[in-house]
Amino acid sequence: MEIQINDYPVDFELTEEQTISDVINSISEWTQERDLIFTEAGINDHNYTIDNLPNIALDEIKTLNCHVQSKSNLIISSINAGIEYCNKVQEFLEKSLISEASVLPEVDNIKSGIDWLMEVLGKVQQLLGIDFNEILFTDNSVQYYIDRITTFGNGLNLLNGKNSLNEFFEKEKSIFADLAGIFKMLLMSEDIKLLVIQSIDSPDVLVRSLYEIKSEIPSQVKNLENISISYQTGKDDIAAEKLNDFIDFVFQFSRTSYQIVPVFGIDPDEIKIDDLSFNEKNNELQDLLKEIIEVMENDDIISLSDILEYEMKPSFEKLDEYIDSVIKFLEKRK
């Protein structure tokens, strides 16, 4: 039996597992240790929820494809879906009030949508470990708006005429816009930012990230040259914007480098280019990044340009060789 994570083969040693449930439980423990969320299992190309598995012998399973998401990806995708839905309902309500179009056919859909929004908010609250009573949006707690949307949904059950519905919508027409605002606030919160930093991505996401990083290295090397030129010619605003893009890129590289160790079992000290290990290269980039931030805080543009051109740029020029080595290691596992 080949075990995959999101279509990517992984080495997973089975010991005393005798049933598919035993295997799923072991993999669930593996994902939980890495802060991943096991959502679905693909058994011989048929998908099942992990609490509704077929009664099938292990020797009949050719491929077990485990669909997982990082906690951060699950929350962010849920929040974005919540924003999109709230915006659509808000737009519908405003158009209905203006045109006095019949809204009765959509009432049941809105009721179901509210139930779904409550599930999304509950999931986000649970995964982030936050208390909606303690988080403010404008002048009220998030829980206040949740109570309002719940009351709104209950009120729909009592209305059955177009005029009364329009009057009701007019009174509560801002609630979905408020919820969209709450979702956006959560998306930009420190809780989400911390979760993204800490959360382990799934193997397929990490592999894709490696290829993306490699393809972007030449443009980032060129970006370093442009940053130095912009600073030297007094175009500080343009330089600062380009530098922020570069810092984001280094952050992505460091985060991916850190995560491939526990997910794929890679020893970063064994991957070496010119006697410098992958781990040492990562530390070198982090040290240079700290120097950049320090000179930026001191507004030392001359030192900043020197670090970028004479230290960071040479350090970056062999980064693709490290990524190639990691990719080759991963390809051997297929």
C-alpha atoms as a PDB file:
ATOM      1  CA  MET A   1       0.000   0.000   0.000  1.00  0.00           C
ATOM      2  CA  GLU A   2       1.340   3.392  -1.026  1.00  0.00           C
ATOM      3  CA  ILE A   3       0.578   6.199   1.404  1.00  0.00           C
ATOM      4  CA  GLN A   4       0.327   9.722   0.019  1.00  0.00           C
ATOM      5  CA  ILE A   5      -0.253  13.147   1.520  1.00  0.00           C
ATOM      6  CA  ASN A   6      -2.196  15.340  -0.917  1.00  0.00           C
ATOM      7  CA  ASP A   7      -1.063  13.143  -3.862  1.00  0.00           C
ATOM      8  CA  TYR A   8       2.580  13.215  -2.717  1.00  0.00           C
ATOM      9  CA  PRO A   9       4.163   9.864  -1.640  1.00  0.00           C
ATOM     10  CA  VAL A  10       5.565   9.808   1.891  1.00  0.00           C
ATOM     11  CA  ASP A  11       7.438   7.202   3.899  1.00  0.00           C
ATOM     12  CA  PHE A  12       5.100   6.133   6.663  1.00  0.00           C
ATOM     13  CA  GLU A  13       6.084   3.010   8.561  1.00  0.00           C
ATOM     14  CA  LEU A  14       3.177   0.818   9.602  1.00  0.00           C
ATOM     15  CA  THR A  15       3.768  -1.367  12.639  1.00  0.00           C
ATOM     16  CA  GLU A  16       0.813  -2.967  14.413  1.00  0.00           C
ATOM     17  CA  GLU A  17      -2.002  -1.521  12.309  1.00  0.00           C
ATOM     18  CA  GLN A  18      -4.404  -4.244  11.170  1.00  0.00           C
ATOM     19  CA  THR A  19      -7.381  -2.304   9.809  1.00  0.00           C
ATOM     20  CA  ILE A  20      -7.898   0.816   7.738  1.00  0.00           C
ATOM     21  CA  SER A  21      -9.175   2.550  10.882  1.00  0.00           C
ATOM     22  CA  ASP A  22      -5.906   1.704  12.648  1.00  0.00           C
ATOM     23  CA  VAL A  23      -3.920   3.210   9.768  1.00  0.00           C
ATOM     24  CA  ILE A  24      -6.076   6.338   9.654  1.00  0.00           C
ATOM     25  CA  ASN A  25      -5.709   6.797  13.431  1.00  0.00           C
ATOM     26  CA  SER A  26      -1.907   6.512  13.167  1.00  0.00           C
ATOM     27  CA  ILE A  27      -1.777   9.033  10.328  1.00  0.00           C
ATOM     28  CA  SER A  28      -4.137  11.320  12.258  1.00  0.00           C
ATOM     29  CA  GLU A  29      -1.665  11.320  15.148  1.00  0.00           C
ATOM     30  CA  TRP A  30       1.145  12.093  12.682  1.00  0.00           C
ATOM     31  CA  THR A  31      -0.781  15.060  11.255  1.00  0.00           C
ATOM     32  CA  GLN A  32      -1.746  16.370  14.694  1.00  0.00           C
ATOM     33  CA  GLU A  33       1.898  16.361  15.771  1.00  0.00           C
ATOM     34  CA  ARG A  34       2.635  18.610  12.790  1.00  0.00           C
ATOM     35  CA  ASP A  35      -0.378  20.841  13.378  1.00  0.00           C
ATOM     36  CA  LEU A  36      -2.054  19.583  10.193  1.00  0.00           C
ATOM     37  CA  ILE A  37      -5.761  18.864   9.864  1.00  0.00           C
ATOM     38  CA  PHE A  38      -6.787  15.525   8.315  1.00  0.00           C
ATOM     39  CA  THR A  39      -9.917  16.226   6.247  1.00  0.00           C
ATOM     40  CA  GLU A  40     -10.463  13.271   3.919  1.00  0.00           C
ATOM     41  CA  ALA A  41      -9.003   9.915   2.863  1.00  0.00           C
ATOM     42  CA  GLY A  42      -8.720   8.740  -0.739  1.00  0.00           C
ATOM     43  CA  ILE A  43      -8.777   4.930  -0.891  1.00  0.00           C
ATOM     44  CA  ASN A  44      -8.125   3.453  -4.336  1.00  0.00           C
ATOM     45  CA  ASP A  45      -9.270   6.750  -5.909  1.00  0.00           C
ATOM     46  CA  HIS A  46     -12.505   6.971  -3.895  1.00  0.00           C
ATOM     47  CA  ASN A  47     -12.764   9.699  -1.250  1.00  0.00           C
ATOM     48  CA  TYR A  48     -14.193   9.148   2.241  1.00  0.00           C
ATOM     49  CA  THR A  49     -14.473  11.228   5.383  1.00  0.00           C
ATOM     50  CA  ILE A  50     -12.251   9.794   8.084  1.00  0.00           C
ATOM     51  CA  ASP A  51     -15.276   8.994  10.264  1.00  0.00           C
ATOM     52  CA  ASN A  52     -17.029   7.101   7.435  1.00  0.00           C
ATOM     53  CA  LEU A  53     -14.425   4.629   6.192  1.00  0.00           C
ATOM     54  CA  PRO A  54     -15.277   1.522   4.147  1.00  0.00           C
ATOM     55  CA  ASN A  55     -14.782  -1.955   5.549  1.00  0.00           C
ATOM     56  CA  ILE A  56     -11.853  -2.941   3.356  1.00  0.00           C
ATOM     57  CA  ALA A  57      -8.835  -5.146   4.033  1.00  0.00           C
ATOM     58  CA  LEU A  58      -5.420  -3.493   4.000  1.00  0.00           C
ATOM     59  CA  ASP A  59      -4.084  -5.860   1.333  1.00  0.00           C
ATOM     60  CA  GLU A  60      -6.845  -4.641  -1.007  1.00  0.00           C
ATOM     61  CA  ILE A  61      -5.699  -1.023  -0.744  1.00  0.00           C
ATOM     62  CA  LYS A  62      -3.247   0.055  -3.429  1.00  0.00           C
ATOM     63  CA  THR A  63      -3.186   3.757  -2.595  1.00  0.00           C
ATOM     64  CA  LEU A  64      -4.190   5.656   0.518  1.00  0.00           C
ATOM     65  CA  ASN A  65      -4.176   9.381  -0.265  1.00  0.00           C
ATOM     66  CA  CYS A  66      -4.595  11.499   2.870  1.00  0.00           C
ATOM     67  CA  HIS A  67      -6.013  14.957   2.240  1.00  0.00           C
ATOM     68  CA  VAL A  68      -4.691  17.371   4.846  1.00  0.00           C
ATOM     69  CA  GLN A  69      -4.509  21.117   5.304  1.00  0.00           C
ATOM     70  CA  SER A  70      -2.418  23.276   7.549  1.00  0.00           C
ATOM     71  CA  LYS A  71      -4.393  24.947  10.276  1.00  0.00           C
ATOM     72  CA  SER A  72      -3.551  28.369   8.868  1.00  0.00           C
ATOM     73  CA  ASN A  73      -4.664  27.457   5.323  1.00  0.00           C
ATOM     74  CA  LEU A  74      -7.945  26.031   6.627  1.00  0.00           C
ATOM     75  CA  ILE A  75      -8.717  29.147   8.667  1.00  0.00           C
ATOM     76  CA  ILE A  76      -7.712  31.594   5.928  1.00  0.00           C
ATOM     77  CA  SER A  77      -9.740  29.776   3.263  1.00  0.00           C
ATOM     78  CA  SER A  78     -12.743  29.639   5.624  1.00  0.00           C
ATOM     79  CA  ILE A  79     -12.479  33.351   6.400  1.00  0.00           C
ATOM     80  CA  ASN A  80     -12.176  34.279   2.725  1.00  0.00           C
ATOM     81  CA  ALA A  81     -15.237  32.158   1.938  1.00  0.00           C
ATOM     82  CA  GLY A  82     -17.105  33.935   4.754  1.00  0.00           C
ATOM     83  CA  ILE A  83     -16.176  37.353   3.365  1.00  0.00           C
ATOM     84  CA  GLU A  84     -17.273  36.389  -0.154  1.00  0.00           C
ATOM     85  CA  TYR A  85     -20.632  35.051   1.072  1.00  0.00           C
ATOM     86  CA  CYS A  86     -21.371  38.074   3.277  1.00  0.00           C
ATOM     87  CA  ASN A  87     -20.591  40.458   0.418  1.00  0.00           C
ATOM     88  CA  LYS A  88     -22.914  38.574  -1.921  1.00  0.00           C
ATOM     89  CA  VAL A  89     -25.806  38.563   0.573  1.00  0.00           C
ATOM     90  CA  GLN A  90     -25.245  42.232   1.381  1.00  0.00           C
ATOM     91  CA  GLU A  91     -25.346  43.100  -2.312  1.00  0.00           C
ATOM     92  CA  PHE A  92     -28.489  41.017  -2.783  1.00  0.00           C
ATOM     93  CA  LEU A  93     -30.277  42.682   0.119  1.00  0.00           C
ATOM     94  CA  GLU A  94     -29.439  46.181  -1.085  1.00  0.00           C
ATOM     95  CA  LYS A  95     -30.597  45.429  -4.646  1.00  0.00           C
ATOM     96  CA  SER A  96     -33.792  43.818  -3.344  1.00  0.00           C
ATOM     97  CA  LEU A  97     -34.644  46.887  -1.291  1.00  0.00           C
ATOM     98  CA  ILE A  98     -33.985  49.263  -4.154  1.00  0.00           C
ATOM     99  CA  SER A  99     -35.916  47.315  -6.788  1.00  0.00           C
ATOM    100  CA  GLU A 100     -38.534  45.924  -4.381  1.00  0.00           C
ATOM    101  CA  ALA A 101     -37.924  42.569  -6.035  1.00  0.00           C
ATOM    102  CA  SER A 102     -39.369  39.533  -4.356  1.00  0.00           C
ATOM    103  CA  VAL A 103     -36.928  38.095  -1.846  1.00  0.00           C
ATOM    104  CA  LEU A 104     -39.100  35.226  -0.667  1.00  0.00           C
ATOM    105  CA  PRO A 105     -37.422  32.549  -2.843  1.00  0.00           C
ATOM    106  CA  GLU A 106     -34.050  33.419  -1.301  1.00  0.00           C
ATOM    107  CA  VAL A 107     -35.102  33.380   2.350  1.00  0.00           C
ATOM    108  CA  ASP A 108     -34.404  29.677   2.869  1.00  0.00           C
ATOM    109  CA  ASN A 109     -30.992  30.057   1.210  1.00  0.00           C
ATOM    110  CA  ILE A 110     -30.155  32.953   3.547  1.00  0.00           C
ATOM    111  CA  LYS A 111     -31.223  30.874   6.556  1.00  0.00           C
ATOM    112  CA  SER A 112     -28.898  28.057   5.466  1.00  0.00           C
ATOM    113  CA  GLY A 113     -26.169  30.572   4.793  1.00  0.00           C
ATOM    114  CA  ILE A 114     -26.459  31.961   8.322  1.00  0.00           C
ATOM    115  CA  ASP A 115     -26.126  28.435   9.754  1.00  0.00           C
ATOM    116  CA  TRP A 116     -23.007  27.967   7.648  1.00  0.00           C
ATOM    117  CA  LEU A 117     -21.566  31.303   8.812  1.00  0.00           C
ATOM    118  CA  MET A 118     -22.067  30.226  12.426  1.00  0.00           C
ATOM    119  CA  GLU A 119     -20.156  27.015  11.702  1.00  0.00           C
ATOM    120  CA  VAL A 120     -17.309  28.964  10.078  1.00  0.00           C
ATOM    121  CA  LEU A 121     -17.077  31.427  12.972  1.00  0.00           C
ATOM    122  CA  GLY A 122     -17.160  28.573  15.482  1.00  0.00           C
ATOM    123  CA  LYS A 123     -14.387  26.757  13.606  1.00  0.00           C
ATOM    124  CA  VAL A 124     -12.248  29.908  13.412  1.00  0.00           C
ATOM    125  CA  GLN A 125     -12.773  30.605  17.111  1.00  0.00           C
ATOM    126  CA  GLN A 126     -11.815  27.052  18.049  1.00  0.00           C
ATOM    127  CA  LEU A 127      -8.722  26.850  15.855  1.00  0.00           C
ATOM    128  CA  LEU A 128      -7.445  30.273  16.915  1.00  0.00           C
ATOM    129  CA  GLY A 129      -8.325  29.710  20.579  1.00  0.00           C
ATOM    130  CA  ILE A 130      -9.945  33.138  20.944  1.00  0.00           C
ATOM    131  CA  ASP A 131     -12.958  34.489  22.847  1.00  0.00           C
ATOM    132  CA  PHE A 132     -15.360  36.531  20.732  1.00  0.00           C
ATOM    133  CA  ASN A 133     -16.630  38.257  23.884  1.00  0.00           C
ATOM    134  CA  GLU A 134     -13.191  39.808  24.331  1.00  0.00           C
ATOM    135  CA  ILE A 135     -12.598  40.964  20.737  1.00  0.00           C
ATOM    136  CA  LEU A 136     -14.071  44.298  19.659  1.00  0.00           C
ATOM    137  CA  PHE A 137     -15.299  45.332  16.228  1.00  0.00           C
ATOM    138  CA  THR A 138     -16.097  49.050  16.143  1.00  0.00           C
ATOM    139  CA  ASP A 139     -17.702  49.630  19.564  1.00  0.00           C
ATOM    140  CA  ASN A 140     -19.102  46.159  20.250  1.00  0.00           C
ATOM    141  CA  SER A 141     -17.791  42.686  20.847  1.00  0.00           C
ATOM    142  CA  VAL A 142     -17.734  40.175  17.996  1.00  0.00           C
ATOM    143  CA  GLN A 143     -20.180  38.094  20.041  1.00  0.00           C
ATOM    144  CA  TYR A 144     -22.664  40.987  19.849  1.00  0.00           C
ATOM    145  CA  TYR A 145     -22.727  40.702  16.043  1.00  0.00           C
ATOM    146  CA  ILE A 146     -22.994  36.914  16.220  1.00  0.00           C
ATOM    147  CA  ASP A 147     -26.031  37.310  18.459  1.00  0.00           C
ATOM    148  CA  ARG A 148     -27.467  39.831  15.972  1.00  0.00           C
ATOM    149  CA  ILE A 149     -27.097  37.496  12.986  1.00  0.00           C
ATOM    150  CA  THR A 150     -28.638  34.687  15.036  1.00  0.00           C
ATOM    151  CA  THR A 151     -31.604  36.912  15.875  1.00  0.00           C
ATOM    152  CA  PHE A 152     -31.809  37.909  12.219  1.00  0.00           C
ATOM    153  CA  GLY A 153     -32.014  34.244  11.189  1.00  0.00           C
ATOM    154  CA  ASN A 154     -34.679  33.506  13.798  1.00  0.00           C
ATOM    155  CA  GLY A 155     -36.661  36.544  12.614  1.00  0.00           C
ATOM    156  CA  LEU A 156     -36.762  35.205   9.053  1.00  0.00           C
ATOM    157  CA  ASN A 157     -38.864  32.299  10.302  1.00  0.00           C
ATOM    158  CA  LEU A 158     -41.597  34.702  11.407  1.00  0.00           C
ATOM    159  CA  LEU A 159     -41.899  36.644   8.153  1.00  0.00           C
ATOM    160  CA  ASN A 160     -43.695  35.559   5.013  1.00  0.00           C
ATOM    161  CA  GLY A 161     -44.722  38.664   3.068  1.00  0.00           C
ATOM    162  CA  LYS A 162     -42.631  40.757   0.704  1.00  0.00           C
ATOM    163  CA  ASN A 163     -43.392  44.035   2.440  1.00  0.00           C
ATOM    164  CA  SER A 164     -42.616  42.743   5.913  1.00  0.00           C
ATOM    165  CA  LEU A 165     -39.427  41.130   4.601  1.00  0.00           C
ATOM    166  CA  ASN A 166     -38.278  44.370   3.010  1.00  0.00           C
ATOM    167  CA  GLU A 167     -39.010  46.241   6.237  1.00  0.00           C
ATOM    168  CA  PHE A 168     -37.077  43.615   8.162  1.00  0.00           C
ATOM    169  CA  PHE A 169     -34.117  43.746   5.766  1.00  0.00           C
ATOM    170  CA  GLU A 170     -34.101  47.534   5.886  1.00  0.00           C
ATOM    171  CA  LYS A 171     -33.742  47.410   9.658  1.00  0.00           C
ATOM    172  CA  GLU A 172     -30.939  44.840   9.655  1.00  0.00           C
ATOM    173  CA  LYS A 173     -29.393  45.494   6.248  1.00  0.00           C
ATOM    174  CA  SER A 174     -25.914  46.206   7.645  1.00  0.00           C
ATOM    175  CA  ILE A 175     -25.439  42.941   9.534  1.00  0.00           C
ATOM    176  CA  PHE A 176     -23.761  41.053   6.672  1.00  0.00           C
ATOM    177  CA  ALA A 177     -21.498  44.007   5.940  1.00  0.00           C
ATOM    178  CA  ASP A 178     -20.543  44.010   9.629  1.00  0.00           C
ATOM    179  CA  LEU A 179     -19.765  40.286   9.514  1.00  0.00           C
ATOM    180  CA  ALA A 180     -17.634  40.776   6.396  1.00  0.00           C
ATOM    181  CA  GLY A 181     -15.739  43.470   8.321  1.00  0.00           C
ATOM    182  CA  ILE A 182     -15.236  41.096  11.254  1.00  0.00           C
ATOM    183  CA  PHE A 183     -13.864  38.395   8.952  1.00  0.00           C
ATOM    184  CA  LYS A 184     -11.448  40.923   7.403  1.00  0.00           C
ATOM    185  CA  MET A 185     -10.361  42.057  10.859  1.00  0.00           C
ATOM    186  CA  LEU A 186      -9.668  38.445  11.876  1.00  0.00           C
ATOM    187  CA  LEU A 187      -7.753  37.852   8.642  1.00  0.00           C
ATOM    188  CA  MET A 188      -5.359  40.703   9.473  1.00  0.00           C
ATOM    189  CA  SER A 189      -5.061  39.906  13.180  1.00  0.00           C
ATOM    190  CA  GLU A 190      -1.894  38.982  15.041  1.00  0.00           C
ATOM    191  CA  ASP A 191      -3.511  35.622  15.870  1.00  0.00           C
ATOM    192  CA  ILE A 192      -3.607  34.739  12.175  1.00  0.00           C
ATOM    193  CA  LYS A 193      -0.099  36.066  11.575  1.00  0.00           C
ATOM    194  CA  LEU A 194       1.294  33.970  14.446  1.00  0.00           C
ATOM    195  CA  LEU A 195      -0.580  30.905  13.244  1.00  0.00           C
ATOM    196  CA  VAL A 196       0.818  31.266   9.724  1.00  0.00           C
ATOM    197  CA  ILE A 197       4.340  31.463  11.134  1.00  0.00           C
ATOM    198  CA  GLN A 198       3.869  28.428  13.382  1.00  0.00           C
ATOM    199  CA  SER A 199       1.642  26.271  11.205  1.00  0.00           C
ATOM    200  CA  ILE A 200       3.196  23.442   9.246  1.00  0.00           C
ATOM    201  CA  ASP A 201       2.158  23.253   5.593  1.00  0.00           C
ATOM    202  CA  SER A 202       1.268  19.975   3.928  1.00  0.00           C
ATOM    203  CA  PRO A 203       3.966  18.201   1.855  1.00  0.00           C
ATOM    204  CA  ASP A 204       2.545  19.168  -1.538  1.00  0.00           C
ATOM    205  CA  VAL A 205       2.422  22.830  -0.506  1.00  0.00           C
ATOM    206  CA  LEU A 206       6.037  22.680   0.681  1.00  0.00           C
ATOM    207  CA  VAL A 207       7.252  21.079  -2.564  1.00  0.00           C
ATOM    208  CA  ARG A 208       5.388  23.661  -4.620  1.00  0.00           C
ATOM    209  CA  SER A 209       6.876  26.403  -2.453  1.00  0.00           C
ATOM    210  CA  LEU A 210      10.408  25.102  -3.121  1.00  0.00           C
ATOM    211  CA  TYR A 211       9.879  25.288  -6.879  1.00  0.00           C
ATOM    212  CA  GLU A 212       8.369  28.762  -6.592  1.00  0.00           C
ATOM    213  CA  ILE A 213      11.292  29.979  -4.482  1.00  0.00           C
ATOM    214  CA  LYS A 214      13.809  28.578  -6.952  1.00  0.00           C
ATOM    215  CA  SER A 215      12.103  30.221  -9.929  1.00  0.00           C
ATOM    216  CA  GLU A 216      12.034  33.570  -8.143  1.00  0.00           C
ATOM    217  CA  ILE A 217      15.709  33.668  -7.091  1.00  0.00           C
ATOM    218  CA  PRO A 218      17.023  35.368 -10.297  1.00  0.00           C
ATOM    219  CA  SER A 219      14.424  38.146 -10.044  1.00  0.00           C
ATOM    220  CA  GLN A 220      15.213  38.629  -6.351  1.00  0.00           C
ATOM    221  CA  VAL A 221      18.945  38.912  -7.115  1.00  0.00           C
ATOM    222  CA  LYS A 222      18.055  41.580  -9.671  1.00  0.00           C
ATOM    223  CA  ASN A 223      15.765  43.142  -7.078  1.00  0.00           C
ATOM    224  CA  LEU A 224      18.736  43.491  -4.688  1.00  0.00           C
ATOM    225  CA  GLU A 225      20.658  45.378  -7.363  1.00  0.00           C
ATOM    226  CA  ASN A 226      17.700  47.695  -7.989  1.00  0.00           C
ATOM    227  CA  ILE A 227      17.270  48.362  -4.260  1.00  0.00           C
ATOM    228  CA  SER A 228      20.878  49.498  -3.932  1.00  0.00           C
ATOM    229  CA  ILE A 229      20.586  51.714  -7.020  1.00  0.00           C
ATOM    230  CA  SER A 230      17.325  53.250  -5.761  1.00  0.00           C
ATOM    231  CA  TYR A 231      18.862  54.100  -2.391  1.00  0.00           C
ATOM    232  CA  GLN A 232      22.013  55.509  -4.004  1.00  0.00           C
ATOM    233  CA  THR A 233      19.942  57.747  -6.295  1.00  0.00           C
ATOM    234  CA  GLY A 234      17.701  59.056  -3.525  1.00  0.00           C
ATOM    235  CA  LYS A 235      14.599  57.027  -4.464  1.00  0.00           C
ATOM    236  CA  ASP A 236      14.065  55.814  -0.905  1.00  0.00           C
ATOM    237  CA  ASP A 237      10.329  55.126  -1.242  1.00  0.00           C
ATOM    238  CA  ILE A 238      10.824  52.840  -4.235  1.00  0.00           C
ATOM    239  CA  ALA A 239      13.768  51.132  -2.511  1.00  0.00           C
ATOM    240  CA  ALA A 240      11.776  50.537   0.673  1.00  0.00           C
ATOM    241  CA  GLU A 241       8.917  48.950  -1.271  1.00  0.00           C
ATOM    242  CA  LYS A 242      11.284  46.616  -3.140  1.00  0.00           C
ATOM    243  CA  LEU A 243      13.107  45.783   0.100  1.00  0.00           C
ATOM    244  CA  ASN A 244       9.843  44.750   1.771  1.00  0.00           C
ATOM    245  CA  ASP A 245       9.207  42.349  -1.121  1.00  0.00           C
ATOM    246  CA  PHE A 246      12.684  40.906  -0.662  1.00  0.00           C
ATOM    247  CA  ILE A 247      12.238  40.476   3.099  1.00  0.00           C
ATOM    248  CA  ASP A 248       8.951  38.641   2.451  1.00  0.00           C
ATOM    249  CA  PHE A 249      10.788  36.344   0.054  1.00  0.00           C
ATOM    250  CA  VAL A 250      13.494  35.529   2.610  1.00  0.00           C
ATOM    251  CA  PHE A 251      10.773  34.860   5.165  1.00  0.00           C
ATOM    252  CA  GLN A 252       9.083  32.418   2.772  1.00  0.00           C
ATOM    253  CA  PHE A 253      12.379  30.640   2.127  1.00  0.00           C
ATOM    254  CA  SER A 254      13.220  30.367   5.835  1.00  0.00           C
ATOM    255  CA  ARG A 255       9.744  29.142   6.753  1.00  0.00           C
ATOM    256  CA  THR A 256       9.774  26.498   4.008  1.00  0.00           C
ATOM    257  CA  SER A 257      13.315  25.440   4.938  1.00  0.00           C
ATOM    258  CA  TYR A 258      12.297  25.038   8.562  1.00  0.00           C
ATOM    259  CA  GLN A 259       9.194  23.012   7.759  1.00  0.00           C
ATOM    260  CA  ILE A 260      10.742  20.477   5.391  1.00  0.00           C
ATOM    261  CA  VAL A 261      12.836  19.108   8.257  1.00  0.00           C
ATOM    262  CA  PRO A 262       9.964  17.571  10.310  1.00  0.00           C
ATOM    263  CA  VAL A 263       7.692  16.836   7.348  1.00  0.00           C
ATOM    264  CA  PHE A 264      10.236  15.028   5.136  1.00  0.00           C
ATOM    265  CA  GLY A 265      12.837  14.020   7.708  1.00  0.00           C
ATOM    266  CA  ILE A 266      15.613  15.979   5.966  1.00  0.00           C
ATOM    267  CA  ASP A 267      18.821  16.660   7.864  1.00  0.00           C
ATOM    268  CA  PRO A 268      19.777  20.223   6.819  1.00  0.00           C
ATOM    269  CA  ASP A 269      23.357  19.672   7.977  1.00  0.00           C
ATOM    270  CA  GLU A 270      23.859  16.886   5.421  1.00  0.00           C
ATOM    271  CA  ILE A 271      23.017  19.065   2.429  1.00  0.00           C
ATOM    272  CA  LYS A 272      26.176  21.022   1.602  1.00  0.00           C
ATOM    273  CA  ILE A 273      27.383  23.313  -1.173  1.00  0.00           C
ATOM    274  CA  ASP A 274      31.088  24.260  -0.991  1.00  0.00           C
ATOM    275  CA  ASP A 275      31.256  22.861   2.583  1.00  0.00           C
ATOM    276  CA  LEU A 276      28.459  25.161   3.746  1.00  0.00           C
ATOM    277  CA  SER A 277      25.402  23.243   4.951  1.00  0.00           C
ATOM    278  CA  PHE A 278      21.798  24.124   4.150  1.00  0.00           C
ATOM    279  CA  ASN A 279      21.301  24.910   7.816  1.00  0.00           C
ATOM    280  CA  GLU A 280      24.340  27.220   7.852  1.00  0.00           C
ATOM    281  CA  LYS A 281      23.145  28.947   4.678  1.00  0.00           C
ATOM    282  CA  ASN A 282      19.758  29.595   6.265  1.00  0.00           C
ATOM    283  CA  ASN A 283      21.416  30.979   9.405  1.00  0.00           C
ATOM    284  CA  GLU A 284      23.672  33.170   7.257  1.00  0.00           C
ATOM    285  CA  LEU A 285      20.658  34.692   5.505  1.00  0.00           C
ATOM    286  CA  GLN A 286      18.877  35.237   8.810  1.00  0.00           C
ATOM    287  CA  ASP A 287      21.921  36.991  10.272  1.00  0.00           C
ATOM    288  CA  LEU A 288      22.148  39.261   7.223  1.00  0.00           C
ATOM    289  CA  LEU A 289      18.440  39.975   7.478  1.00  0.00           C
ATOM    290  CA  LYS A 290      18.891  41.044  11.102  1.00  0.00           C
ATOM    291  CA  GLU A 291      21.723  43.364  10.061  1.00  0.00           C
ATOM    292  CA  ILE A 292      19.497  44.873   7.373  1.00  0.00           C
ATOM    293  CA  ILE A 293      16.716  45.530   9.859  1.00  0.00           C
ATOM    294  CA  GLU A 294      19.155  47.105  12.344  1.00  0.00           C
ATOM    295  CA  VAL A 295      20.655  49.525   9.813  1.00  0.00           C
ATOM    296  CA  MET A 296      17.160  50.365   8.565  1.00  0.00           C
ATOM    297  CA  GLU A 297      16.157  51.285  12.121  1.00  0.00           C
ATOM    298  CA  ASN A 298      19.247  53.481  12.355  1.00  0.00           C
ATOM    299  CA  ASP A 299      18.454  55.038   8.958  1.00  0.00           C
ATOM    300  CA  ASP A 300      21.965  54.100   7.790  1.00  0.00           C
ATOM    301  CA  ILE A 301      21.352  53.979   4.036  1.00  0.00           C
ATOM    302  CA  ILE A 302      25.044  53.631   3.121  1.00  0.00           C
ATOM    303  CA  SER A 303      25.528  50.539   5.281  1.00  0.00           C
ATOM    304  CA  LEU A 304      22.231  49.132   4.055  1.00  0.00           C
ATOM    305  CA  SER A 305      23.294  49.438   0.406  1.00  0.00           C
ATOM    306  CA  ASP A 306      26.663  47.840   1.179  1.00  0.00           C
ATOM    307  CA  ILE A 307      25.079  44.851   2.954  1.00  0.00           C
ATOM    308  CA  LEU A 308      22.615  44.279   0.136  1.00  0.00           C
ATOM    309  CA  GLU A 309      25.177  44.541  -2.665  1.00  0.00           C
ATOM    310  CA  TYR A 310      28.288  42.984  -1.135  1.00  0.00           C
ATOM    311  CA  GLU A 311      26.921  40.477   1.385  1.00  0.00           C
ATOM    312  CA  MET A 312      23.320  39.510   0.739  1.00  0.00           C
ATOM    313  CA  LYS A 313      23.596  39.337  -3.058  1.00  0.00           C
ATOM    314  CA  PRO A 314      26.638  36.979  -3.077  1.00  0.00           C
ATOM    315  CA  SER A 315      24.958  34.845  -0.410  1.00  0.00           C
ATOM    316  CA  PHE A 316      21.873  34.507  -2.610  1.00  0.00           C
ATOM    317  CA  GLU A 317      23.683  33.504  -5.780  1.00  0.00           C
ATOM    318  CA  LYS A 318      24.029  29.816  -4.783  1.00  0.00           C
ATOM    319  CA  LEU A 319      20.710  29.459  -3.054  1.00  0.00           C
ATOM    320  CA  ASP A 320      19.205  27.634  -6.031  1.00  0.00           C
ATOM    321  CA  GLU A 321      21.864  24.903  -5.679  1.00  0.00           C
ATOM    322  CA  TYR A 322      20.627  24.141  -2.159  1.00  0.00           C
ATOM    323  CA  ILE A 323      17.051  24.007  -3.339  1.00  0.00           C
ATOM    324  CA  ASP A 324      18.058  21.659  -6.190  1.00  0.00           C
ATOM    325  CA  SER A 325      19.688  19.354  -3.650  1.00  0.00           C
ATOM    326  CA  VAL A 326      16.553  19.306  -1.511  1.00  0.00           C
ATOM    327  CA  ILE A 327      14.349  18.642  -4.541  1.00  0.00           C
ATOM    328  CA  LYS A 328      16.588  15.771  -5.654  1.00  0.00           C
ATOM    329  CA  PHE A 329      16.324  14.281  -2.174  1.00  0.00           C
ATOM    330  CA  LEU A 330      12.532  14.492  -2.337  1.00  0.00           C
ATOM    331  CA  GLU A 331      12.365  13.024  -5.845  1.00  0.00           C
ATOM    332  CA  LYS A 332      14.262   9.935  -4.665  1.00  0.00           C
ATOM    333  CA  ARG A 333      11.406   9.273  -2.257  1.00  0.00           C
ATOM    334  CA  LYS A 334       8.817   9.004  -5.028  1.00  0.00           C
END
